[in-house]
Amino acid sequence: MKMKNYFGLVERRLSVRNFAKIILLSTGLLFFASACITLGKDFPAAYVPAIKIGETSKSEVRKMFGAPWLSGNQDGELAWTYGNYDYSVFGERKAKDLVIQFDDNGVVTTYTFSTTEHNE
């Protein structure tokens, strides 16, 4: 009799453990399926046409877009990068990227703007 109760208790514990594993696994799969990663910092793309090569200064760029997400050297010139990258496992991927290069006087020499949002 005692042995029968013991096995019944073991079976219940195993079924509770299996149920817990199933719930944990289901929660993990649901989280993975809805996962989204955002990198960078959003910036107002509407100001991009206001950038004038040979005229716009670093302080003007900072007023328009704020602090850059990345800063470094590109082709021997200071380069600021503004970027916003949204990646989703099962969804639309969005990206917006602005790279601005400055000469030694802090004036824009070139810039590139790219986006995945097309209005064609």
PDB file of N, CA and C in Angstrom:
ATOM      1  N   MET A   1       0.811  -1.182   0.000  1.00  0.00           N
ATOM      2  CA  MET A   1       0.000   0.000   0.000  1.00  0.00           C
ATOM      3  C   MET A   1       0.864   1.259   0.000  1.00  0.00           C
ATOM      4  N   LYS A   2       1.858   1.265   0.871  1.00  0.00           N
ATOM      5  CA  LYS A   2       2.730   2.420   0.937  1.00  0.00           C
ATOM      6  C   LYS A   2       3.488   2.590  -0.365  1.00  0.00           C
ATOM      7  N   MET A   3       3.897   1.493  -0.972  1.00  0.00           N
ATOM      8  CA  MET A   3       4.624   1.534  -2.231  1.00  0.00           C
ATOM      9  C   MET A   3       3.751   2.126  -3.339  1.00  0.00           C
ATOM     10  N   LYS A   4       2.470   1.801  -3.339  1.00  0.00           N
ATOM     11  CA  LYS A   4       1.548   2.325  -4.337  1.00  0.00           C
ATOM     12  C   LYS A   4       1.397   3.837  -4.177  1.00  0.00           C
ATOM     13  N   ASN A   5       1.275   4.328  -2.954  1.00  0.00           N
ATOM     14  CA  ASN A   5       1.182   5.765  -2.710  1.00  0.00           C
ATOM     15  C   ASN A   5       2.456   6.463  -3.145  1.00  0.00           C
ATOM     16  N   TYR A   6       3.589   5.833  -2.896  1.00  0.00           N
ATOM     17  CA  TYR A   6       4.880   6.420  -3.276  1.00  0.00           C
ATOM     18  C   TYR A   6       4.961   6.605  -4.792  1.00  0.00           C
ATOM     19  N   PHE A   7       4.587   5.559  -5.548  1.00  0.00           N
ATOM     20  CA  PHE A   7       4.638   5.660  -7.009  1.00  0.00           C
ATOM     21  C   PHE A   7       3.635   6.681  -7.542  1.00  0.00           C
ATOM     22  N   GLY A   8       2.475   6.788  -6.909  1.00  0.00           N
ATOM     23  CA  GLY A   8       1.494   7.787  -7.309  1.00  0.00           C
ATOM     24  C   GLY A   8       2.030   9.200  -7.094  1.00  0.00           C
ATOM     25  N   LEU A   9       2.731   9.398  -5.985  1.00  0.00           N
ATOM     26  CA  LEU A   9       3.331  10.687  -5.687  1.00  0.00           C
ATOM     27  C   LEU A   9       4.430  11.017  -6.691  1.00  0.00           C
ATOM     28  N   VAL A  10       5.254  10.041  -7.045  1.00  0.00           N
ATOM     29  CA  VAL A  10       6.315  10.238  -8.031  1.00  0.00           C
ATOM     30  C   VAL A  10       5.712  10.586  -9.387  1.00  0.00           C
ATOM     31  N   GLU A  11       4.656   9.904  -9.783  1.00  0.00           N
ATOM     32  CA  GLU A  11       4.005  10.187 -11.059  1.00  0.00           C
ATOM     33  C   GLU A  11       3.452  11.613 -11.089  1.00  0.00           C
ATOM     34  N   ARG A  12       2.851  12.066  -9.988  1.00  0.00           N
ATOM     35  CA  ARG A  12       2.317  13.423  -9.925  1.00  0.00           C
ATOM     36  C   ARG A  12       3.439  14.448 -10.020  1.00  0.00           C
ATOM     37  N   ARG A  13       4.549  14.206  -9.338  1.00  0.00           N
ATOM     38  CA  ARG A  13       5.683  15.124  -9.398  1.00  0.00           C
ATOM     39  C   ARG A  13       6.248  15.203 -10.815  1.00  0.00           C
ATOM     40  N   LEU A  14       6.355  14.053 -11.472  1.00  0.00           N
ATOM     41  CA  LEU A  14       6.856  14.051 -12.847  1.00  0.00           C
ATOM     42  C   LEU A  14       5.909  14.815 -13.766  1.00  0.00           C
ATOM     43  N   SER A  15       4.615  14.656 -13.562  1.00  0.00           N
ATOM     44  CA  SER A  15       3.683  15.350 -14.440  1.00  0.00           C
ATOM     45  C   SER A  15       3.699  16.855 -14.161  1.00  0.00           C
ATOM     46  N   VAL A  16       3.898  17.273 -12.923  1.00  0.00           N
ATOM     47  CA  VAL A  16       4.018  18.696 -12.604  1.00  0.00           C
ATOM     48  C   VAL A  16       5.293  19.247 -13.231  1.00  0.00           C
ATOM     49  N   ARG A  17       6.389  18.509 -13.159  1.00  0.00           N
ATOM     50  CA  ARG A  17       7.648  18.943 -13.779  1.00  0.00           C
ATOM     51  C   ARG A  17       7.500  19.067 -15.289  1.00  0.00           C
ATOM     52  N   ASN A  18       6.866  18.090 -15.915  1.00  0.00           N
ATOM     53  CA  ASN A  18       6.657  18.148 -17.358  1.00  0.00           C
ATOM     54  C   ASN A  18       5.783  19.342 -17.733  1.00  0.00           C
ATOM     55  N   PHE A  19       4.740  19.584 -16.955  1.00  0.00           N
ATOM     56  CA  PHE A  19       3.868  20.727 -17.208  1.00  0.00           C
ATOM     57  C   PHE A  19       4.661  22.032 -17.083  1.00  0.00           C
ATOM     58  N   ALA A  20       5.492  22.142 -16.064  1.00  0.00           N
ATOM     59  CA  ALA A  20       6.313  23.345 -15.870  1.00  0.00           C
ATOM     60  C   ALA A  20       7.276  23.530 -17.035  1.00  0.00           C
ATOM     61  N   LYS A  21       7.872  22.445 -17.511  1.00  0.00           N
ATOM     62  CA  LYS A  21       8.787  22.530 -18.657  1.00  0.00           C
ATOM     63  C   LYS A  21       8.059  22.987 -19.911  1.00  0.00           C
ATOM     64  N   ILE A  22       6.859  22.470 -20.111  1.00  0.00           N
ATOM     65  CA  ILE A  22       6.069  22.852 -21.283  1.00  0.00           C
ATOM     66  C   ILE A  22       5.708  24.337 -21.218  1.00  0.00           C
ATOM     67  N   ILE A  23       5.300  24.814 -20.062  1.00  0.00           N
ATOM     68  CA  ILE A  23       4.962  26.240 -19.898  1.00  0.00           C
ATOM     69  C   ILE A  23       6.197  27.094 -20.139  1.00  0.00           C
ATOM     70  N   LEU A  24       7.327  26.713 -19.568  1.00  0.00           N
ATOM     71  CA  LEU A  24       8.566  27.467 -19.738  1.00  0.00           C
ATOM     72  C   LEU A  24       9.004  27.487 -21.206  1.00  0.00           C
ATOM     73  N   LEU A  25       8.948  26.360 -21.867  1.00  0.00           N
ATOM     74  CA  LEU A  25       9.314  26.272 -23.273  1.00  0.00           C
ATOM     75  C   LEU A  25       8.365  27.098 -24.137  1.00  0.00           C
ATOM     76  N   SER A  26       7.085  27.036 -23.872  1.00  0.00           N
ATOM     77  CA  SER A  26       6.100  27.815 -24.638  1.00  0.00           C
ATOM     78  C   SER A  26       6.323  29.311 -24.457  1.00  0.00           C
ATOM     79  N   THR A  27       6.604  29.728 -23.234  1.00  0.00           N
ATOM     80  CA  THR A  27       6.868  31.141 -22.967  1.00  0.00           C
ATOM     81  C   THR A  27       8.115  31.599 -23.717  1.00  0.00           C
ATOM     82  N   GLY A  28       9.159  30.774 -23.689  1.00  0.00           N
ATOM     83  CA  GLY A  28      10.388  31.107 -24.411  1.00  0.00           C
ATOM     84  C   GLY A  28      10.172  31.214 -25.906  1.00  0.00           C
ATOM     85  N   LEU A  29       9.420  30.303 -26.487  1.00  0.00           N
ATOM     86  CA  LEU A  29       9.126  30.352 -27.923  1.00  0.00           C
ATOM     87  C   LEU A  29       8.290  31.579 -28.278  1.00  0.00           C
ATOM     88  N   LEU A  30       7.344  31.914 -27.437  1.00  0.00           N
ATOM     89  CA  LEU A  30       6.523  33.110 -27.674  1.00  0.00           C
ATOM     90  C   LEU A  30       7.384  34.366 -27.625  1.00  0.00           C
ATOM     91  N   PHE A  31       8.282  34.441 -26.653  1.00  0.00           N
ATOM     92  CA  PHE A  31       9.182  35.588 -26.547  1.00  0.00           C
ATOM     93  C   PHE A  31      10.079  35.679 -27.777  1.00  0.00           C
ATOM     94  N   PHE A  32      10.631  34.553 -28.214  1.00  0.00           N
ATOM     95  CA  PHE A  32      11.505  34.533 -29.391  1.00  0.00           C
ATOM     96  C   PHE A  32      10.752  34.977 -30.643  1.00  0.00           C
ATOM     97  N   ALA A  33       9.525  34.517 -30.780  1.00  0.00           N
ATOM     98  CA  ALA A  33       8.740  34.847 -31.975  1.00  0.00           C
ATOM     99  C   ALA A  33       8.409  36.331 -32.054  1.00  0.00           C
ATOM    100  N   SER A  34       8.314  36.981 -30.918  1.00  0.00           N
ATOM    101  CA  SER A  34       7.975  38.402 -30.932  1.00  0.00           C
ATOM    102  C   SER A  34       9.205  39.282 -30.693  1.00  0.00           C
ATOM    103  N   ALA A  35      10.384  38.701 -30.736  1.00  0.00           N
ATOM    104  CA  ALA A  35      11.611  39.432 -30.416  1.00  0.00           C
ATOM    105  C   ALA A  35      11.888  40.528 -31.440  1.00  0.00           C
ATOM    106  N   CYS A  36      12.338  41.644 -30.920  1.00  0.00           N
ATOM    107  CA  CYS A  36      12.693  42.788 -31.742  1.00  0.00           C
ATOM    108  C   CYS A  36      13.919  43.436 -31.129  1.00  0.00           C
ATOM    109  N   ILE A  37      14.861  43.818 -31.966  1.00  0.00           N
ATOM    110  CA  ILE A  37      16.078  44.463 -31.494  1.00  0.00           C
ATOM    111  C   ILE A  37      16.172  45.834 -32.148  1.00  0.00           C
ATOM    112  N   THR A  38      16.436  46.841 -31.348  1.00  0.00           N
ATOM    113  CA  THR A  38      16.623  48.197 -31.862  1.00  0.00           C
ATOM    114  C   THR A  38      18.017  48.662 -31.492  1.00  0.00           C
ATOM    115  N   LEU A  39      18.741  49.138 -32.494  1.00  0.00           N
ATOM    116  CA  LEU A  39      20.078  49.681 -32.292  1.00  0.00           C
ATOM    117  C   LEU A  39      20.094  51.127 -32.747  1.00  0.00           C
ATOM    118  N   GLY A  40      20.983  51.901 -32.153  1.00  0.00           N
ATOM    119  CA  GLY A  40      21.123  53.290 -32.557  1.00  0.00           C
ATOM    120  C   GLY A  40      20.157  54.195 -31.840  1.00  0.00           C
ATOM    121  N   LYS A  41      19.925  55.341 -32.466  1.00  0.00           N
ATOM    122  CA  LYS A  41      19.084  56.375 -31.878  1.00  0.00           C
ATOM    123  C   LYS A  41      18.345  57.070 -33.019  1.00  0.00           C
ATOM    124  N   ASP A  42      17.045  57.254 -32.861  1.00  0.00           N
ATOM    125  CA  ASP A  42      16.263  57.874 -33.926  1.00  0.00           C
ATOM    126  C   ASP A  42      16.682  59.334 -34.116  1.00  0.00           C
ATOM    127  N   PHE A  43      16.562  59.811 -35.334  1.00  0.00           N
ATOM    128  CA  PHE A  43      16.907  61.192 -35.668  1.00  0.00           C
ATOM    129  C   PHE A  43      15.908  61.708 -36.702  1.00  0.00           C
ATOM    130  N   PRO A  44      15.714  63.028 -36.776  1.00  0.00           N
ATOM    131  CA  PRO A  44      14.729  63.589 -37.705  1.00  0.00           C
ATOM    132  C   PRO A  44      15.250  63.624 -39.145  1.00  0.00           C
ATOM    133  N   ALA A  45      14.848  62.667 -39.939  1.00  0.00           N
ATOM    134  CA  ALA A  45      15.299  62.577 -41.335  1.00  0.00           C
ATOM    135  C   ALA A  45      14.827  63.769 -42.171  1.00  0.00           C
ATOM    136  N   ALA A  46      13.811  64.465 -41.717  1.00  0.00           N
ATOM    137  CA  ALA A  46      13.292  65.614 -42.470  1.00  0.00           C
ATOM    138  C   ALA A  46      14.328  66.734 -42.590  1.00  0.00           C
ATOM    139  N   TYR A  47      15.324  66.756 -41.697  1.00  0.00           N
ATOM    140  CA  TYR A  47      16.355  67.798 -41.739  1.00  0.00           C
ATOM    141  C   TYR A  47      17.513  67.479 -42.681  1.00  0.00           C
ATOM    142  N   VAL A  48      17.570  66.280 -43.213  1.00  0.00           N
ATOM    143  CA  VAL A  48      18.692  65.888 -44.084  1.00  0.00           C
ATOM    144  C   VAL A  48      18.869  66.849 -45.266  1.00  0.00           C
ATOM    145  N   PRO A  49      17.814  67.264 -45.967  1.00  0.00           N
ATOM    146  CA  PRO A  49      18.014  68.189 -47.089  1.00  0.00           C
ATOM    147  C   PRO A  49      18.608  69.545 -46.690  1.00  0.00           C
ATOM    148  N   ALA A  50      18.573  69.889 -45.413  1.00  0.00           N
ATOM    149  CA  ALA A  50      19.125  71.165 -44.946  1.00  0.00           C
ATOM    150  C   ALA A  50      20.650  71.134 -44.855  1.00  0.00           C
ATOM    151  N   ILE A  51      21.247  69.963 -44.954  1.00  0.00           N
ATOM    152  CA  ILE A  51      22.710  69.855 -44.905  1.00  0.00           C
ATOM    153  C   ILE A  51      23.278  70.353 -46.231  1.00  0.00           C
ATOM    154  N   LYS A  52      24.178  71.295 -46.172  1.00  0.00           N
ATOM    155  CA  LYS A  52      24.808  71.860 -47.373  1.00  0.00           C
ATOM    156  C   LYS A  52      26.314  71.613 -47.322  1.00  0.00           C
ATOM    157  N   ILE A  53      26.818  70.880 -48.318  1.00  0.00           N
ATOM    158  CA  ILE A  53      28.246  70.587 -48.405  1.00  0.00           C
ATOM    159  C   ILE A  53      29.018  71.903 -48.558  1.00  0.00           C
ATOM    160  N   GLY A  54      30.071  72.044 -47.741  1.00  0.00           N
ATOM    161  CA  GLY A  54      30.888  73.251 -47.779  1.00  0.00           C
ATOM    162  C   GLY A  54      30.323  74.414 -46.982  1.00  0.00           C
ATOM    163  N   GLU A  55      29.136  74.251 -46.392  1.00  0.00           N
ATOM    164  CA  GLU A  55      28.508  75.346 -45.644  1.00  0.00           C
ATOM    165  C   GLU A  55      28.115  74.965 -44.218  1.00  0.00           C
ATOM    166  N   THR A  56      27.468  73.809 -44.054  1.00  0.00           N
ATOM    167  CA  THR A  56      26.926  73.426 -42.750  1.00  0.00           C
ATOM    168  C   THR A  56      28.051  73.040 -41.793  1.00  0.00           C
ATOM    169  N   SER A  57      27.988  73.583 -40.573  1.00  0.00           N
ATOM    170  CA  SER A  57      29.029  73.326 -39.574  1.00  0.00           C
ATOM    171  C   SER A  57      28.611  72.195 -38.628  1.00  0.00           C
ATOM    172  N   LYS A  58      29.594  71.714 -37.841  1.00  0.00           N
ATOM    173  CA  LYS A  58      29.315  70.677 -36.850  1.00  0.00           C
ATOM    174  C   LYS A  58      28.271  71.145 -35.844  1.00  0.00           C
ATOM    175  N   SER A  59      28.362  72.402 -35.415  1.00  0.00           N
ATOM    176  CA  SER A  59      27.392  72.890 -34.422  1.00  0.00           C
ATOM    177  C   SER A  59      25.981  72.940 -35.015  1.00  0.00           C
ATOM    178  N   GLU A  60      25.854  73.269 -36.290  1.00  0.00           N
ATOM    179  CA  GLU A  60      24.544  73.269 -36.939  1.00  0.00           C
ATOM    180  C   GLU A  60      23.999  71.847 -37.058  1.00  0.00           C
ATOM    181  N   VAL A  61      24.877  70.893 -37.412  1.00  0.00           N
ATOM    182  CA  VAL A  61      24.458  69.489 -37.502  1.00  0.00           C
ATOM    183  C   VAL A  61      23.987  69.006 -36.135  1.00  0.00           C
ATOM    184  N   ARG A  62      24.734  69.369 -35.081  1.00  0.00           N
ATOM    185  CA  ARG A  62      24.356  68.961 -33.728  1.00  0.00           C
ATOM    186  C   ARG A  62      23.003  69.565 -33.334  1.00  0.00           C
ATOM    187  N   LYS A  63      22.728  70.791 -33.747  1.00  0.00           N
ATOM    188  CA  LYS A  63      21.430  71.419 -33.453  1.00  0.00           C
ATOM    189  C   LYS A  63      20.291  70.698 -34.173  1.00  0.00           C
ATOM    190  N   MET A  64      20.556  70.240 -35.406  1.00  0.00           N
ATOM    191  CA  MET A  64      19.518  69.560 -36.191  1.00  0.00           C
ATOM    192  C   MET A  64      19.263  68.136 -35.699  1.00  0.00           C
ATOM    193  N   PHE A  65      20.338  67.400 -35.422  1.00  0.00           N
ATOM    194  CA  PHE A  65      20.223  65.963 -35.162  1.00  0.00           C
ATOM    195  C   PHE A  65      20.602  65.523 -33.746  1.00  0.00           C
ATOM    196  N   GLY A  66      21.192  66.408 -32.966  1.00  0.00           N
ATOM    197  CA  GLY A  66      21.649  66.019 -31.630  1.00  0.00           C
ATOM    198  C   GLY A  66      23.027  65.376 -31.707  1.00  0.00           C
ATOM    199  N   ALA A  67      23.419  64.735 -30.620  1.00  0.00           N
ATOM    200  CA  ALA A  67      24.723  64.072 -30.579  1.00  0.00           C
ATOM    201  C   ALA A  67      24.708  62.857 -31.504  1.00  0.00           C
ATOM    202  N   PRO A  68      25.827  62.586 -32.177  1.00  0.00           N
ATOM    203  CA  PRO A  68      25.860  61.418 -33.069  1.00  0.00           C
ATOM    204  C   PRO A  68      25.830  60.117 -32.282  1.00  0.00           C
ATOM    205  N   TRP A  69      25.321  59.065 -32.928  1.00  0.00           N
ATOM    206  CA  TRP A  69      25.306  57.742 -32.323  1.00  0.00           C
ATOM    207  C   TRP A  69      26.713  57.169 -32.320  1.00  0.00           C
ATOM    208  N   LEU A  70      27.451  57.379 -33.402  1.00  0.00           N
ATOM    209  CA  LEU A  70      28.836  56.945 -33.524  1.00  0.00           C
ATOM    210  C   LEU A  70      29.678  58.099 -34.044  1.00  0.00           C
ATOM    211  N   SER A  71      30.931  58.122 -33.662  1.00  0.00           N
ATOM    212  CA  SER A  71      31.857  59.129 -34.149  1.00  0.00           C
ATOM    213  C   SER A  71      33.185  58.447 -34.430  1.00  0.00           C
ATOM    214  N   GLY A  72      33.843  58.831 -35.518  1.00  0.00           N
ATOM    215  CA  GLY A  72      35.121  58.215 -35.863  1.00  0.00           C
ATOM    216  C   GLY A  72      35.744  58.908 -37.054  1.00  0.00           C
ATOM    217  N   ASN A  73      36.715  58.234 -37.663  1.00  0.00           N
ATOM    218  CA  ASN A  73      37.383  58.760 -38.858  1.00  0.00           C
ATOM    219  C   ASN A  73      37.033  57.912 -40.061  1.00  0.00           C
ATOM    220  N   GLN A  74      36.777  58.596 -41.171  1.00  0.00           N
ATOM    221  CA  GLN A  74      36.498  57.917 -42.433  1.00  0.00           C
ATOM    222  C   GLN A  74      37.240  58.675 -43.519  1.00  0.00           C
ATOM    223  N   ASP A  75      38.086  57.993 -44.238  1.00  0.00           N
ATOM    224  CA  ASP A  75      38.894  58.619 -45.288  1.00  0.00           C
ATOM    225  C   ASP A  75      39.707  59.796 -44.750  1.00  0.00           C
ATOM    226  N   GLY A  76      40.176  59.697 -43.513  1.00  0.00           N
ATOM    227  CA  GLY A  76      40.994  60.738 -42.911  1.00  0.00           C
ATOM    228  C   GLY A  76      40.226  61.932 -42.377  1.00  0.00           C
ATOM    229  N   GLU A  77      38.905  61.874 -42.411  1.00  0.00           N
ATOM    230  CA  GLU A  77      38.092  62.987 -41.915  1.00  0.00           C
ATOM    231  C   GLU A  77      37.216  62.520 -40.757  1.00  0.00           C
ATOM    232  N   LEU A  78      36.854  63.470 -39.896  1.00  0.00           N
ATOM    233  CA  LEU A  78      35.928  63.179 -38.818  1.00  0.00           C
ATOM    234  C   LEU A  78      34.584  62.793 -39.423  1.00  0.00           C
ATOM    235  N   ALA A  79      33.988  61.720 -38.930  1.00  0.00           N
ATOM    236  CA  ALA A  79      32.689  61.263 -39.436  1.00  0.00           C
ATOM    237  C   ALA A  79      31.751  61.022 -38.265  1.00  0.00           C
ATOM    238  N   TRP A  80      30.551  61.570 -38.385  1.00  0.00           N
ATOM    239  CA  TRP A  80      29.496  61.327 -37.406  1.00  0.00           C
ATOM    240  C   TRP A  80      28.446  60.448 -38.059  1.00  0.00           C
ATOM    241  N   THR A  81      27.973  59.466 -37.298  1.00  0.00           N
ATOM    242  CA  THR A  81      26.934  58.571 -37.802  1.00  0.00           C
ATOM    243  C   THR A  81      25.697  58.680 -36.930  1.00  0.00           C
ATOM    244  N   TYR A  82      24.575  58.894 -37.602  1.00  0.00           N
ATOM    245  CA  TYR A  82      23.267  58.856 -36.962  1.00  0.00           C
ATOM    246  C   TYR A  82      22.572  57.645 -37.553  1.00  0.00           C
ATOM    247  N   GLY A  83      22.088  56.763 -36.700  1.00  0.00           N
ATOM    248  CA  GLY A  83      21.456  55.556 -37.224  1.00  0.00           C
ATOM    249  C   GLY A  83      20.373  55.038 -36.319  1.00  0.00           C
ATOM    250  N   ASN A  84      19.377  54.449 -36.912  1.00  0.00           N
ATOM    251  CA  ASN A  84      18.283  53.803 -36.192  1.00  0.00           C
ATOM    252  C   ASN A  84      17.961  52.525 -36.949  1.00  0.00           C
ATOM    253  N   TYR A  85      18.164  51.384 -36.283  1.00  0.00           N
ATOM    254  CA  TYR A  85      18.032  50.085 -36.935  1.00  0.00           C
ATOM    255  C   TYR A  85      17.099  49.220 -36.103  1.00  0.00           C
ATOM    256  N   ASP A  86      15.948  48.859 -36.644  1.00  0.00           N
ATOM    257  CA  ASP A  86      14.976  48.001 -35.979  1.00  0.00           C
ATOM    258  C   ASP A  86      14.924  46.666 -36.703  1.00  0.00           C
ATOM    259  N   TYR A  87      15.256  45.601 -35.982  1.00  0.00           N
ATOM    260  CA  TYR A  87      15.240  44.259 -36.550  1.00  0.00           C
ATOM    261  C   TYR A  87      14.235  43.415 -35.793  1.00  0.00           C
ATOM    262  N   SER A  88      13.441  42.662 -36.528  1.00  0.00           N
ATOM    263  CA  SER A  88      12.439  41.800 -35.936  1.00  0.00           C
ATOM    264  C   SER A  88      12.574  40.412 -36.540  1.00  0.00           C
ATOM    265  N   VAL A  89      12.362  39.397 -35.712  1.00  0.00           N
ATOM    266  CA  VAL A  89      12.488  38.023 -36.195  1.00  0.00           C
ATOM    267  C   VAL A  89      11.447  37.730 -37.271  1.00  0.00           C
ATOM    268  N   PHE A  90      10.198  38.104 -37.013  1.00  0.00           N
ATOM    269  CA  PHE A  90       9.121  37.842 -37.968  1.00  0.00           C
ATOM    270  C   PHE A  90       8.398  39.123 -38.321  1.00  0.00           C
ATOM    271  N   GLY A  91       9.077  40.096 -38.780  1.00  0.00           N
ATOM    272  CA  GLY A  91       8.403  41.335 -39.104  1.00  0.00           C
ATOM    273  C   GLY A  91       9.233  42.185 -40.032  1.00  0.00           C
ATOM    274  N   GLU A  92       8.767  43.373 -40.188  1.00  0.00           N
ATOM    275  CA  GLU A  92       9.427  44.315 -41.070  1.00  0.00           C
ATOM    276  C   GLU A  92      10.706  44.831 -40.414  1.00  0.00           C
ATOM    277  N   ARG A  93      11.759  44.875 -41.194  1.00  0.00           N
ATOM    278  CA  ARG A  93      13.024  45.431 -40.718  1.00  0.00           C
ATOM    279  C   ARG A  93      13.125  46.853 -41.232  1.00  0.00           C
ATOM    280  N   LYS A  94      13.435  47.779 -40.330  1.00  0.00           N
ATOM    281  CA  LYS A  94      13.546  49.188 -40.711  1.00  0.00           C
ATOM    282  C   LYS A  94      14.929  49.692 -40.361  1.00  0.00           C
ATOM    283  N   ALA A  95      15.481  50.508 -41.240  1.00  0.00           N
ATOM    284  CA  ALA A  95      16.792  51.094 -40.988  1.00  0.00           C
ATOM    285  C   ALA A  95      16.845  52.495 -41.575  1.00  0.00           C
ATOM    286  N   LYS A  96      17.558  53.354 -40.866  1.00  0.00           N
ATOM    287  CA  LYS A  96      17.763  54.728 -41.297  1.00  0.00           C
ATOM    288  C   LYS A  96      19.194  55.070 -40.897  1.00  0.00           C
ATOM    289  N   ASP A  97      19.987  55.575 -41.841  1.00  0.00           N
ATOM    290  CA  ASP A  97      21.408  55.768 -41.601  1.00  0.00           C
ATOM    291  C   ASP A  97      21.883  57.066 -42.250  1.00  0.00           C
ATOM    292  N   LEU A  98      22.564  57.906 -41.464  1.00  0.00           N
ATOM    293  CA  LEU A  98      23.113  59.164 -41.960  1.00  0.00           C
ATOM    294  C   LEU A  98      24.562  59.257 -41.497  1.00  0.00           C
ATOM    295  N   VAL A  99      25.488  59.378 -42.459  1.00  0.00           N
ATOM    296  CA  VAL A  99      26.907  59.526 -42.154  1.00  0.00           C
ATOM    297  C   VAL A  99      27.364  60.869 -42.722  1.00  0.00           C
ATOM    298  N   ILE A 100      27.915  61.712 -41.847  1.00  0.00           N
ATOM    299  CA  ILE A 100      28.351  63.049 -42.239  1.00  0.00           C
ATOM    300  C   ILE A 100      29.842  63.174 -41.967  1.00  0.00           C
ATOM    301  N   GLN A 101      30.593  63.641 -42.967  1.00  0.00           N
ATOM    302  CA  GLN A 101      32.028  63.860 -42.810  1.00  0.00           C
ATOM    303  C   GLN A 101      32.324  65.355 -42.752  1.00  0.00           C
ATOM    304  N   PHE A 102      33.331  65.712 -41.922  1.00  0.00           N
ATOM    305  CA  PHE A 102      33.711  67.112 -41.719  1.00  0.00           C
ATOM    306  C   PHE A 102      35.189  67.315 -42.033  1.00  0.00           C
ATOM    307  N   ASP A 103      35.531  68.510 -42.529  1.00  0.00           N
ATOM    308  CA  ASP A 103      36.941  68.849 -42.743  1.00  0.00           C
ATOM    309  C   ASP A 103      37.555  69.323 -41.421  1.00  0.00           C
ATOM    310  N   ASP A 104      38.816  69.758 -41.471  1.00  0.00           N
ATOM    311  CA  ASP A 104      39.513  70.199 -40.264  1.00  0.00           C
ATOM    312  C   ASP A 104      38.890  71.447 -39.636  1.00  0.00           C
ATOM    313  N   ASN A 105      38.120  72.201 -40.403  1.00  0.00           N
ATOM    314  CA  ASN A 105      37.453  73.400 -39.887  1.00  0.00           C
ATOM    315  C   ASN A 105      36.058  73.095 -39.335  1.00  0.00           C
ATOM    316  N   GLY A 106      35.643  71.825 -39.386  1.00  0.00           N
ATOM    317  CA  GLY A 106      34.331  71.446 -38.864  1.00  0.00           C
ATOM    318  C   GLY A 106      33.185  71.748 -39.795  1.00  0.00           C
ATOM    319  N   VAL A 107      33.458  71.755 -41.105  1.00  0.00           N
ATOM    320  CA  VAL A 107      32.427  72.018 -42.114  1.00  0.00           C
ATOM    321  C   VAL A 107      32.179  70.720 -42.892  1.00  0.00           C
ATOM    322  N   VAL A 108      30.924  70.478 -43.238  1.00  0.00           N
ATOM    323  CA  VAL A 108      30.540  69.247 -43.950  1.00  0.00           C
ATOM    324  C   VAL A 108      31.251  69.161 -45.298  1.00  0.00           C
ATOM    325  N   THR A 109      31.915  68.007 -45.541  1.00  0.00           N
ATOM    326  CA  THR A 109      32.534  67.759 -46.850  1.00  0.00           C
ATOM    327  C   THR A 109      31.696  66.804 -47.686  1.00  0.00           C
ATOM    328  N   THR A 110      31.001  65.892 -47.030  1.00  0.00           N
ATOM    329  CA  THR A 110      30.135  64.935 -47.727  1.00  0.00           C
ATOM    330  C   THR A 110      29.199  64.280 -46.716  1.00  0.00           C
ATOM    331  N   TYR A 111      28.109  63.718 -47.221  1.00  0.00           N
ATOM    332  CA  TYR A 111      27.212  62.949 -46.357  1.00  0.00           C
ATOM    333  C   TYR A 111      26.467  61.934 -47.206  1.00  0.00           C
ATOM    334  N   THR A 112      26.022  60.868 -46.552  1.00  0.00           N
ATOM    335  CA  THR A 112      25.176  59.865 -47.203  1.00  0.00           C
ATOM    336  C   THR A 112      23.987  59.586 -46.294  1.00  0.00           C
ATOM    337  N   PHE A 113      22.835  59.421 -46.902  1.00  0.00           N
ATOM    338  CA  PHE A 113      21.618  59.087 -46.171  1.00  0.00           C
ATOM    339  C   PHE A 113      20.984  57.880 -46.837  1.00  0.00           C
ATOM    340  N   SER A 114      20.668  56.867 -46.031  1.00  0.00           N
ATOM    341  CA  SER A 114      20.025  55.658 -46.545  1.00  0.00           C
ATOM    342  C   SER A 114      18.859  55.284 -45.640  1.00  0.00           C
ATOM    343  N   THR A 115      17.820  54.722 -46.249  1.00  0.00           N
ATOM    344  CA  THR A 115      16.662  54.279 -45.465  1.00  0.00           C
ATOM    345  C   THR A 115      15.990  53.111 -46.170  1.00  0.00           C
ATOM    346  N   THR A 116      15.281  52.316 -45.394  1.00  0.00           N
ATOM    347  CA  THR A 116      14.484  51.218 -45.961  1.00  0.00           C
ATOM    348  C   THR A 116      13.058  51.654 -46.239  1.00  0.00           C
ATOM    349  N   GLU A 117      12.701  52.858 -45.830  1.00  0.00           N
ATOM    350  CA  GLU A 117      11.352  53.372 -46.042  1.00  0.00           C
ATOM    351  C   GLU A 117      11.307  54.102 -47.381  1.00  0.00           C
ATOM    352  N   HIS A 118      10.654  53.485 -48.351  1.00  0.00           N
ATOM    353  CA  HIS A 118      10.599  54.041 -49.693  1.00  0.00           C
ATOM    354  C   HIS A 118       9.202  54.563 -49.996  1.00  0.00           C
ATOM    355  N   ASN A 119       9.171  55.728 -50.584  1.00  0.00           N
ATOM    356  CA  ASN A 119       7.903  56.329 -50.994  1.00  0.00           C
ATOM    357  C   ASN A 119       7.868  56.413 -52.528  1.00  0.00           C
ATOM    358  N   GLU A 120       8.111  55.311 -53.173  1.00  0.00           N
ATOM    359  CA  GLU A 120       8.167  55.271 -54.639  1.00  0.00           C
ATOM    360  C   GLU A 120       6.816  54.957 -55.225  1.00  0.00           C
TER     361      GLU A 120
END
